[in-house]
Amino acid sequence: ESALLSMLGAKRMIWVDGLAGQDITDGHIDTLARFVNPTTIVVDKPAFKDPGDPWVKVAARTRQQVGQARTASGTRTRCWRSFNQPPSAELAMTSSPPT
């Protein structure tokens, strides 16, 4: 961890659980979270509501872990949820751009 922090010029790392065994990286953090500024992180909320789905569970765990994280100076992070919406039927069925 210290070598990675040094390479990135960072002082603190926020670790999240991921989802072991589901893909080669145990879950891509770049699909789950984005930094808005040094203290605000937006975390994905899946478009579907299946409490038994492992990706829904990992998104909820990630929100919890990010919401409890602190910056290097001790400031608590703020966690916002993004709300992914499934594409509309109109957009999904469009094969060419509107004229």
PDB file of N, CA and C in Angstrom:
ATOM      1  N   GLU A   1       0.827  -1.195   0.000  1.00  0.00           N
ATOM      2  CA  GLU A   1       0.000   0.000   0.000  1.00  0.00           C
ATOM      3  C   GLU A   1       0.873   1.261   0.000  1.00  0.00           C
ATOM      4  N   SER A   2       1.949   1.263   0.796  1.00  0.00           N
ATOM      5  CA  SER A   2       2.788   2.458   0.877  1.00  0.00           C
ATOM      6  C   SER A   2       3.441   2.770  -0.467  1.00  0.00           C
ATOM      7  N   ALA A   3       3.847   1.755  -1.212  1.00  0.00           N
ATOM      8  CA  ALA A   3       4.447   1.989  -2.530  1.00  0.00           C
ATOM      9  C   ALA A   3       3.423   2.581  -3.492  1.00  0.00           C
ATOM     10  N   LEU A   4       2.210   2.105  -3.452  1.00  0.00           N
ATOM     11  CA  LEU A   4       1.143   2.634  -4.312  1.00  0.00           C
ATOM     12  C   LEU A   4       0.816   4.079  -3.944  1.00  0.00           C
ATOM     13  N   LEU A   5       0.695   4.357  -2.652  1.00  0.00           N
ATOM     14  CA  LEU A   5       0.439   5.731  -2.204  1.00  0.00           C
ATOM     15  C   LEU A   5       1.554   6.665  -2.670  1.00  0.00           C
ATOM     16  N   SER A   6       2.785   6.219  -2.541  1.00  0.00           N
ATOM     17  CA  SER A   6       3.929   7.025  -2.955  1.00  0.00           C
ATOM     18  C   SER A   6       3.888   7.289  -4.462  1.00  0.00           C
ATOM     19  N   MET A   7       3.606   6.260  -5.229  1.00  0.00           N
ATOM     20  CA  MET A   7       3.554   6.392  -6.675  1.00  0.00           C
ATOM     21  C   MET A   7       2.451   7.367  -7.110  1.00  0.00           C
ATOM     22  N   LEU A   8       1.319   7.334  -6.404  1.00  0.00           N
ATOM     23  CA  LEU A   8       0.185   8.199  -6.739  1.00  0.00           C
ATOM     24  C   LEU A   8       0.289   9.583  -6.107  1.00  0.00           C
ATOM     25  N   GLY A   9       1.229   9.757  -5.181  1.00  0.00           N
ATOM     26  CA  GLY A   9       1.343  11.032  -4.479  1.00  0.00           C
ATOM     27  C   GLY A   9       0.189  11.251  -3.513  1.00  0.00           C
ATOM     28  N   ALA A  10      -0.349  10.171  -2.997  1.00  0.00           N
ATOM     29  CA  ALA A  10      -1.490  10.232  -2.084  1.00  0.00           C
ATOM     30  C   ALA A  10      -1.042   9.937  -0.659  1.00  0.00           C
ATOM     31  N   LYS A  11      -1.895  10.304   0.300  1.00  0.00           N
ATOM     32  CA  LYS A  11      -1.584  10.074   1.714  1.00  0.00           C
ATOM     33  C   LYS A  11      -2.459   8.997   2.342  1.00  0.00           C
ATOM     34  N   ARG A  12      -3.593   8.732   1.724  1.00  0.00           N
ATOM     35  CA  ARG A  12      -4.529   7.773   2.305  1.00  0.00           C
ATOM     36  C   ARG A  12      -5.218   6.988   1.200  1.00  0.00           C
ATOM     37  N   MET A  13      -5.492   5.728   1.488  1.00  0.00           N
ATOM     38  CA  MET A  13      -6.175   4.838   0.558  1.00  0.00           C
ATOM     39  C   MET A  13      -7.494   4.413   1.195  1.00  0.00           C
ATOM     40  N   ILE A  14      -8.550   4.397   0.422  1.00  0.00           N
ATOM     41  CA  ILE A  14      -9.833   3.876   0.899  1.00  0.00           C
ATOM     42  C   ILE A  14      -9.996   2.488   0.277  1.00  0.00           C
ATOM     43  N   TRP A  15     -10.070   1.480   1.116  1.00  0.00           N
ATOM     44  CA  TRP A  15     -10.229   0.112   0.635  1.00  0.00           C
ATOM     45  C   TRP A  15     -11.690  -0.305   0.756  1.00  0.00           C
ATOM     46  N   VAL A  16     -12.197  -0.973  -0.253  1.00  0.00           N
ATOM     47  CA  VAL A  16     -13.553  -1.539  -0.214  1.00  0.00           C
ATOM     48  C   VAL A  16     -13.452  -3.031  -0.495  1.00  0.00           C
ATOM     49  N   ASP A  17     -14.474  -3.767  -0.093  1.00  0.00           N
ATOM     50  CA  ASP A  17     -14.428  -5.226  -0.158  1.00  0.00           C
ATOM     51  C   ASP A  17     -14.375  -5.797  -1.570  1.00  0.00           C
ATOM     52  N   GLY A  18     -15.106  -5.234  -2.498  1.00  0.00           N
ATOM     53  CA  GLY A  18     -15.200  -5.829  -3.827  1.00  0.00           C
ATOM     54  C   GLY A  18     -16.048  -7.089  -3.783  1.00  0.00           C
ATOM     55  N   LEU A  19     -15.915  -7.897  -4.803  1.00  0.00           N
ATOM     56  CA  LEU A  19     -16.722  -9.111  -4.898  1.00  0.00           C
ATOM     57  C   LEU A  19     -15.831 -10.246  -5.393  1.00  0.00           C
ATOM     58  N   ALA A  20     -15.228 -10.936  -4.471  1.00  0.00           N
ATOM     59  CA  ALA A  20     -14.255 -11.980  -4.795  1.00  0.00           C
ATOM     60  C   ALA A  20     -14.851 -13.064  -5.680  1.00  0.00           C
ATOM     61  N   GLY A  21     -14.087 -13.408  -6.705  1.00  0.00           N
ATOM     62  CA  GLY A  21     -14.449 -14.530  -7.551  1.00  0.00           C
ATOM     63  C   GLY A  21     -15.458 -14.232  -8.648  1.00  0.00           C
ATOM     64  N   GLN A  22     -15.949 -13.013  -8.755  1.00  0.00           N
ATOM     65  CA  GLN A  22     -16.952 -12.690  -9.765  1.00  0.00           C
ATOM     66  C   GLN A  22     -16.348 -12.193 -11.069  1.00  0.00           C
ATOM     67  N   ASP A  23     -15.205 -11.570 -10.995  1.00  0.00           N
ATOM     68  CA  ASP A  23     -14.459 -11.203 -12.199  1.00  0.00           C
ATOM     69  C   ASP A  23     -12.983 -11.106 -11.840  1.00  0.00           C
ATOM     70  N   ILE A  24     -12.155 -10.841 -12.783  1.00  0.00           N
ATOM     71  CA  ILE A  24     -10.703 -10.896 -12.579  1.00  0.00           C
ATOM     72  C   ILE A  24     -10.202  -9.886 -11.547  1.00  0.00           C
ATOM     73  N   THR A  25     -10.928  -8.786 -11.352  1.00  0.00           N
ATOM     74  CA  THR A  25     -10.477  -7.755 -10.410  1.00  0.00           C
ATOM     75  C   THR A  25     -11.252  -7.770  -9.097  1.00  0.00           C
ATOM     76  N   ASP A  26     -12.160  -8.699  -8.932  1.00  0.00           N
ATOM     77  CA  ASP A  26     -13.049  -8.749  -7.756  1.00  0.00           C
ATOM     78  C   ASP A  26     -13.962  -7.531  -7.684  1.00  0.00           C
ATOM     79  N   GLY A  27     -14.222  -6.923  -8.811  1.00  0.00           N
ATOM     80  CA  GLY A  27     -15.115  -5.755  -8.890  1.00  0.00           C
ATOM     81  C   GLY A  27     -14.325  -4.512  -9.265  1.00  0.00           C
ATOM     82  N   HIS A  28     -14.759  -3.839 -10.277  1.00  0.00           N
ATOM     83  CA  HIS A  28     -14.080  -2.619 -10.728  1.00  0.00           C
ATOM     84  C   HIS A  28     -14.556  -1.423  -9.916  1.00  0.00           C
ATOM     85  N   ILE A  29     -13.671  -0.812  -9.153  1.00  0.00           N
ATOM     86  CA  ILE A  29     -14.049   0.352  -8.352  1.00  0.00           C
ATOM     87  C   ILE A  29     -14.500   1.501  -9.246  1.00  0.00           C
ATOM     88  N   ASP A  30     -13.963   1.580 -10.456  1.00  0.00           N
ATOM     89  CA  ASP A  30     -14.351   2.673 -11.353  1.00  0.00           C
ATOM     90  C   ASP A  30     -15.780   2.539 -11.861  1.00  0.00           C
ATOM     91  N   THR A  31     -16.397   1.376 -11.670  1.00  0.00           N
ATOM     92  CA  THR A  31     -17.817   1.262 -11.998  1.00  0.00           C
ATOM     93  C   THR A  31     -18.684   1.514 -10.771  1.00  0.00           C
ATOM     94  N   LEU A  32     -18.075   1.563  -9.611  1.00  0.00           N
ATOM     95  CA  LEU A  32     -18.817   1.750  -8.369  1.00  0.00           C
ATOM     96  C   LEU A  32     -18.723   3.156  -7.797  1.00  0.00           C
ATOM     97  N   ALA A  33     -17.579   3.822  -7.955  1.00  0.00           N
ATOM     98  CA  ALA A  33     -17.378   5.088  -7.242  1.00  0.00           C
ATOM     99  C   ALA A  33     -16.573   6.085  -8.065  1.00  0.00           C
ATOM    100  N   ARG A  34     -16.896   7.368  -7.856  1.00  0.00           N
ATOM    101  CA  ARG A  34     -16.176   8.481  -8.497  1.00  0.00           C
ATOM    102  C   ARG A  34     -15.972   9.587  -7.473  1.00  0.00           C
ATOM    103  N   PHE A  35     -14.782  10.176  -7.473  1.00  0.00           N
ATOM    104  CA  PHE A  35     -14.526  11.320  -6.611  1.00  0.00           C
ATOM    105  C   PHE A  35     -15.064  12.576  -7.274  1.00  0.00           C
ATOM    106  N   VAL A  36     -15.865  13.336  -6.535  1.00  0.00           N
ATOM    107  CA  VAL A  36     -16.371  14.624  -7.010  1.00  0.00           C
ATOM    108  C   VAL A  36     -15.388  15.715  -6.606  1.00  0.00           C
ATOM    109  N   ASN A  37     -14.890  15.598  -5.396  1.00  0.00           N
ATOM    110  CA  ASN A  37     -13.849  16.478  -4.865  1.00  0.00           C
ATOM    111  C   ASN A  37     -13.147  15.675  -3.763  1.00  0.00           C
ATOM    112  N   PRO A  38     -12.191  16.242  -3.052  1.00  0.00           N
ATOM    113  CA  PRO A  38     -11.444  15.436  -2.073  1.00  0.00           C
ATOM    114  C   PRO A  38     -12.279  14.816  -0.949  1.00  0.00           C
ATOM    115  N   THR A  39     -13.479  15.323  -0.702  1.00  0.00           N
ATOM    116  CA  THR A  39     -14.278  14.765   0.396  1.00  0.00           C
ATOM    117  C   THR A  39     -15.627  14.199  -0.044  1.00  0.00           C
ATOM    118  N   THR A  40     -15.938  14.261  -1.322  1.00  0.00           N
ATOM    119  CA  THR A  40     -17.243  13.796  -1.807  1.00  0.00           C
ATOM    120  C   THR A  40     -17.056  12.701  -2.845  1.00  0.00           C
ATOM    121  N   ILE A  41     -17.723  11.580  -2.608  1.00  0.00           N
ATOM    122  CA  ILE A  41     -17.609  10.424  -3.493  1.00  0.00           C
ATOM    123  C   ILE A  41     -19.018   9.992  -3.895  1.00  0.00           C
ATOM    124  N   VAL A  42     -19.228   9.809  -5.192  1.00  0.00           N
ATOM    125  CA  VAL A  42     -20.503   9.311  -5.696  1.00  0.00           C
ATOM    126  C   VAL A  42     -20.357   7.811  -5.899  1.00  0.00           C
ATOM    127  N   VAL A  43     -21.289   7.054  -5.332  1.00  0.00           N
ATOM    128  CA  VAL A  43     -21.256   5.592  -5.442  1.00  0.00           C
ATOM    129  C   VAL A  43     -22.498   5.134  -6.187  1.00  0.00           C
ATOM    130  N   ASP A  44     -22.307   4.224  -7.100  1.00  0.00           N
ATOM    131  CA  ASP A  44     -23.371   3.689  -7.941  1.00  0.00           C
ATOM    132  C   ASP A  44     -24.456   3.005  -7.132  1.00  0.00           C
ATOM    133  N   LYS A  45     -25.682   3.204  -7.569  1.00  0.00           N
ATOM    134  CA  LYS A  45     -26.808   2.431  -7.064  1.00  0.00           C
ATOM    135  C   LYS A  45     -27.362   1.680  -8.268  1.00  0.00           C
ATOM    136  N   PRO A  46     -27.301   0.358  -8.277  1.00  0.00           N
ATOM    137  CA  PRO A  46     -27.768  -0.394  -9.442  1.00  0.00           C
ATOM    138  C   PRO A  46     -29.193  -0.029  -9.844  1.00  0.00           C
ATOM    139  N   ALA A  47     -29.475  -0.140 -11.138  1.00  0.00           N
ATOM    140  CA  ALA A  47     -30.786   0.218 -11.677  1.00  0.00           C
ATOM    141  C   ALA A  47     -31.861  -0.800 -11.294  1.00  0.00           C
ATOM    142  N   PHE A  48     -31.457  -1.985 -10.897  1.00  0.00           N
ATOM    143  CA  PHE A  48     -32.424  -3.008 -10.527  1.00  0.00           C
ATOM    144  C   PHE A  48     -32.429  -3.203  -9.015  1.00  0.00           C
ATOM    145  N   LYS A  49     -33.534  -3.719  -8.504  1.00  0.00           N
ATOM    146  CA  LYS A  49     -33.679  -3.891  -7.056  1.00  0.00           C
ATOM    147  C   LYS A  49     -33.838  -5.373  -6.734  1.00  0.00           C
ATOM    148  N   ASP A  50     -32.736  -6.056  -6.635  1.00  0.00           N
ATOM    149  CA  ASP A  50     -32.744  -7.465  -6.267  1.00  0.00           C
ATOM    150  C   ASP A  50     -31.811  -7.622  -5.071  1.00  0.00           C
ATOM    151  N   PRO A  51     -32.348  -7.599  -3.847  1.00  0.00           N
ATOM    152  CA  PRO A  51     -31.502  -7.649  -2.660  1.00  0.00           C
ATOM    153  C   PRO A  51     -30.613  -8.890  -2.589  1.00  0.00           C
ATOM    154  N   GLY A  52     -30.922  -9.927  -3.343  1.00  0.00           N
ATOM    155  CA  GLY A  52     -30.095 -11.126  -3.347  1.00  0.00           C
ATOM    156  C   GLY A  52     -28.970 -11.087  -4.369  1.00  0.00           C
ATOM    157  N   ASP A  53     -28.997 -10.100  -5.268  1.00  0.00           N
ATOM    158  CA  ASP A  53     -27.973  -9.998  -6.303  1.00  0.00           C
ATOM    159  C   ASP A  53     -26.644  -9.580  -5.682  1.00  0.00           C
ATOM    160  N   PRO A  54     -25.563 -10.287  -5.995  1.00  0.00           N
ATOM    161  CA  PRO A  54     -24.279  -9.950  -5.371  1.00  0.00           C
ATOM    162  C   PRO A  54     -23.783  -8.546  -5.710  1.00  0.00           C
ATOM    163  N   TRP A  55     -24.117  -8.011  -6.893  1.00  0.00           N
ATOM    164  CA  TRP A  55     -23.658  -6.661  -7.274  1.00  0.00           C
ATOM    165  C   TRP A  55     -24.433  -5.593  -6.524  1.00  0.00           C
ATOM    166  N   VAL A  56     -25.702  -5.854  -6.214  1.00  0.00           N
ATOM    167  CA  VAL A  56     -26.490  -4.929  -5.389  1.00  0.00           C
ATOM    168  C   VAL A  56     -25.894  -4.892  -3.987  1.00  0.00           C
ATOM    169  N   LYS A  57     -25.527  -6.064  -3.479  1.00  0.00           N
ATOM    170  CA  LYS A  57     -24.930  -6.135  -2.145  1.00  0.00           C
ATOM    171  C   LYS A  57     -23.586  -5.418  -2.083  1.00  0.00           C
ATOM    172  N   VAL A  58     -22.732  -5.620  -3.103  1.00  0.00           N
ATOM    173  CA  VAL A  58     -21.416  -4.988  -3.068  1.00  0.00           C
ATOM    174  C   VAL A  58     -21.546  -3.469  -3.208  1.00  0.00           C
ATOM    175  N   ALA A  59     -22.526  -2.995  -3.969  1.00  0.00           N
ATOM    176  CA  ALA A  59     -22.741  -1.547  -4.080  1.00  0.00           C
ATOM    177  C   ALA A  59     -23.153  -0.971  -2.724  1.00  0.00           C
ATOM    178  N   ALA A  60     -24.014  -1.671  -2.011  1.00  0.00           N
ATOM    179  CA  ALA A  60     -24.441  -1.211  -0.682  1.00  0.00           C
ATOM    180  C   ALA A  60     -23.267  -1.210   0.295  1.00  0.00           C
ATOM    181  N   ARG A  61     -22.452  -2.258   0.262  1.00  0.00           N
ATOM    182  CA  ARG A  61     -21.270  -2.315   1.139  1.00  0.00           C
ATOM    183  C   ARG A  61     -20.289  -1.199   0.801  1.00  0.00           C
ATOM    184  N   THR A  62     -20.099  -0.956  -0.480  1.00  0.00           N
ATOM    185  CA  THR A  62     -19.187   0.111  -0.899  1.00  0.00           C
ATOM    186  C   THR A  62     -19.675   1.456  -0.402  1.00  0.00           C
ATOM    187  N   ARG A  63     -20.975   1.732  -0.529  1.00  0.00           N
ATOM    188  CA  ARG A  63     -21.532   2.998  -0.011  1.00  0.00           C
ATOM    189  C   ARG A  63     -21.269   3.127   1.480  1.00  0.00           C
ATOM    190  N   GLN A  64     -21.453   2.042   2.216  1.00  0.00           N
ATOM    191  CA  GLN A  64     -21.233   2.068   3.662  1.00  0.00           C
ATOM    192  C   GLN A  64     -19.753   2.337   3.976  1.00  0.00           C
ATOM    193  N   GLN A  65     -18.857   1.640   3.315  1.00  0.00           N
ATOM    194  CA  GLN A  65     -17.430   1.799   3.582  1.00  0.00           C
ATOM    195  C   GLN A  65     -16.943   3.194   3.195  1.00  0.00           C
ATOM    196  N   VAL A  66     -17.380   3.685   2.048  1.00  0.00           N
ATOM    197  CA  VAL A  66     -16.980   5.022   1.603  1.00  0.00           C
ATOM    198  C   VAL A  66     -17.554   6.079   2.537  1.00  0.00           C
ATOM    199  N   GLY A  67     -18.780   5.877   2.985  1.00  0.00           N
ATOM    200  CA  GLY A  67     -19.416   6.828   3.896  1.00  0.00           C
ATOM    201  C   GLY A  67     -18.756   6.911   5.260  1.00  0.00           C
ATOM    202  N   GLN A  68     -18.006   5.883   5.630  1.00  0.00           N
ATOM    203  CA  GLN A  68     -17.305   5.875   6.911  1.00  0.00           C
ATOM    204  C   GLN A  68     -15.844   6.277   6.791  1.00  0.00           C
ATOM    205  N   ALA A  69     -15.383   6.476   5.556  1.00  0.00           N
ATOM    206  CA  ALA A  69     -13.967   6.797   5.334  1.00  0.00           C
ATOM    207  C   ALA A  69     -13.649   8.228   5.768  1.00  0.00           C
ATOM    208  N   ARG A  70     -12.389   8.463   5.987  1.00  0.00           N
ATOM    209  CA  ARG A  70     -11.903   9.803   6.341  1.00  0.00           C
ATOM    210  C   ARG A  70     -10.727  10.159   5.454  1.00  0.00           C
ATOM    211  N   THR A  71     -10.559  11.454   5.228  1.00  0.00           N
ATOM    212  CA  THR A  71      -9.407  11.923   4.455  1.00  0.00           C
ATOM    213  C   THR A  71      -8.161  11.834   5.317  1.00  0.00           C
ATOM    214  N   ALA A  72      -7.014  12.111   4.718  1.00  0.00           N
ATOM    215  CA  ALA A  72      -5.746  12.082   5.462  1.00  0.00           C
ATOM    216  C   ALA A  72      -5.750  13.077   6.616  1.00  0.00           C
ATOM    217  N   SER A  73      -6.497  14.174   6.471  1.00  0.00           N
ATOM    218  CA  SER A  73      -6.563  15.175   7.544  1.00  0.00           C
ATOM    219  C   SER A  73      -7.651  14.859   8.572  1.00  0.00           C
ATOM    220  N   GLY A  74      -8.384  13.758   8.365  1.00  0.00           N
ATOM    221  CA  GLY A  74      -9.395  13.340   9.332  1.00  0.00           C
ATOM    222  C   GLY A  74     -10.813  13.767   9.005  1.00  0.00           C
ATOM    223  N   THR A  75     -11.006  14.493   7.905  1.00  0.00           N
ATOM    224  CA  THR A  75     -12.353  14.912   7.508  1.00  0.00           C
ATOM    225  C   THR A  75     -13.127  13.705   7.003  1.00  0.00           C
ATOM    226  N   ARG A  76     -14.347  13.571   7.472  1.00  0.00           N
ATOM    227  CA  ARG A  76     -15.187  12.465   7.020  1.00  0.00           C
ATOM    228  C   ARG A  76     -15.638  12.703   5.582  1.00  0.00           C
ATOM    229  N   THR A  77     -15.641  11.660   4.775  1.00  0.00           N
ATOM    230  CA  THR A  77     -16.094  11.794   3.399  1.00  0.00           C
ATOM    231  C   THR A  77     -17.616  11.842   3.345  1.00  0.00           C
ATOM    232  N   ARG A  78     -18.125  12.463   2.298  1.00  0.00           N
ATOM    233  CA  ARG A  78     -19.567  12.467   2.039  1.00  0.00           C
ATOM    234  C   ARG A  78     -19.815  11.505   0.895  1.00  0.00           C
ATOM    235  N   CYS A  79     -20.815  10.691   1.022  1.00  0.00           N
ATOM    236  CA  CYS A  79     -21.119   9.687   0.010  1.00  0.00           C
ATOM    237  C   CYS A  79     -22.467  10.004  -0.608  1.00  0.00           C
ATOM    238  N   TRP A  80     -22.484  10.245  -1.890  1.00  0.00           N
ATOM    239  CA  TRP A  80     -23.727  10.455  -2.631  1.00  0.00           C
ATOM    240  C   TRP A  80     -23.994   9.217  -3.454  1.00  0.00           C
ATOM    241  N   ARG A  81     -25.258   8.931  -3.686  1.00  0.00           N
ATOM    242  CA  ARG A  81     -25.631   7.784  -4.515  1.00  0.00           C
ATOM    243  C   ARG A  81     -26.027   8.273  -5.896  1.00  0.00           C
ATOM    244  N   SER A  82     -25.488   7.616  -6.910  1.00  0.00           N
ATOM    245  CA  SER A  82     -25.981   7.887  -8.255  1.00  0.00           C
ATOM    246  C   SER A  82     -27.137   6.934  -8.495  1.00  0.00           C
ATOM    247  N   PHE A  83     -28.049   7.344  -9.304  1.00  0.00           N
ATOM    248  CA  PHE A  83     -29.218   6.514  -9.575  1.00  0.00           C
ATOM    249  C   PHE A  83     -29.218   6.136 -11.046  1.00  0.00           C
ATOM    250  N   ASN A  84     -28.690   4.976 -11.340  1.00  0.00           N
ATOM    251  CA  ASN A  84     -28.686   4.504 -12.721  1.00  0.00           C
ATOM    252  C   ASN A  84     -30.102   4.150 -13.117  1.00  0.00           C
ATOM    253  N   GLN A  85     -30.470   4.586 -14.279  1.00  0.00           N
ATOM    254  CA  GLN A  85     -31.785   4.267 -14.808  1.00  0.00           C
ATOM    255  C   GLN A  85     -31.601   3.369 -16.015  1.00  0.00           C
ATOM    256  N   PRO A  86     -32.445   2.357 -16.138  1.00  0.00           N
ATOM    257  CA  PRO A  86     -32.343   1.546 -17.349  1.00  0.00           C
ATOM    258  C   PRO A  86     -32.692   2.409 -18.557  1.00  0.00           C
ATOM    259  N   PRO A  87     -32.099   2.147 -19.713  1.00  0.00           N
ATOM    260  CA  PRO A  87     -32.418   2.959 -20.883  1.00  0.00           C
ATOM    261  C   PRO A  87     -33.890   2.864 -21.221  1.00  0.00           C
ATOM    262  N   SER A  88     -34.446   3.945 -21.722  1.00  0.00           N
ATOM    263  CA  SER A  88     -35.869   3.924 -22.084  1.00  0.00           C
ATOM    264  C   SER A  88     -36.048   3.039 -23.305  1.00  0.00           C
ATOM    265  N   ALA A  89     -37.237   2.505 -23.450  1.00  0.00           N
ATOM    266  CA  ALA A  89     -37.531   1.647 -24.592  1.00  0.00           C
ATOM    267  C   ALA A  89     -37.333   2.419 -25.887  1.00  0.00           C
ATOM    268  N   GLU A  90     -37.684   3.694 -25.880  1.00  0.00           N
ATOM    269  CA  GLU A  90     -37.534   4.512 -27.086  1.00  0.00           C
ATOM    270  C   GLU A  90     -36.065   4.590 -27.502  1.00  0.00           C
ATOM    271  N   LEU A  91     -35.177   4.846 -26.537  1.00  0.00           N
ATOM    272  CA  LEU A  91     -33.757   4.928 -26.858  1.00  0.00           C
ATOM    273  C   LEU A  91     -33.192   3.564 -27.218  1.00  0.00           C
ATOM    274  N   ALA A  92     -33.639   2.540 -26.528  1.00  0.00           N
ATOM    275  CA  ALA A  92     -33.106   1.207 -26.772  1.00  0.00           C
ATOM    276  C   ALA A  92     -33.480   0.709 -28.168  1.00  0.00           C
ATOM    277  N   MET A  93     -34.624   1.163 -28.706  1.00  0.00           N
ATOM    278  CA  MET A  93     -35.073   0.678 -29.998  1.00  0.00           C
ATOM    279  C   MET A  93     -34.619   1.565 -31.152  1.00  0.00           C
ATOM    280  N   THR A  94     -34.009   2.689 -30.861  1.00  0.00           N
ATOM    281  CA  THR A  94     -33.567   3.586 -31.914  1.00  0.00           C
ATOM    282  C   THR A  94     -32.287   3.059 -32.543  1.00  0.00           C
ATOM    283  N   SER A  95     -32.307   2.903 -33.854  1.00  0.00           N
ATOM    284  CA  SER A  95     -31.122   2.372 -34.526  1.00  0.00           C
ATOM    285  C   SER A  95     -30.291   3.455 -35.195  1.00  0.00           C
ATOM    286  N   SER A  96     -30.840   4.640 -35.336  1.00  0.00           N
ATOM    287  CA  SER A  96     -30.083   5.734 -35.928  1.00  0.00           C
ATOM    288  C   SER A  96     -30.436   7.018 -35.200  1.00  0.00           C
ATOM    289  N   PRO A  97     -29.529   8.008 -35.217  1.00  0.00           N
ATOM    290  CA  PRO A  97     -29.805   9.252 -34.513  1.00  0.00           C
ATOM    291  C   PRO A  97     -30.998   9.975 -35.133  1.00  0.00           C
ATOM    292  N   PRO A  98     -31.737  10.744 -34.313  1.00  0.00           N
ATOM    293  CA  PRO A  98     -32.871  11.487 -34.862  1.00  0.00           C
ATOM    294  C   PRO A  98     -32.383  12.523 -35.862  1.00  0.00           C
ATOM    295  N   THR A  99     -33.221  12.846 -36.817  1.00  0.00           N
ATOM    296  CA  THR A  99     -32.853  13.854 -37.833  1.00  0.00           C
ATOM    297  C   THR A  99     -33.476  15.189 -37.550  1.00  0.00           C
TER     298      THR A  99
END
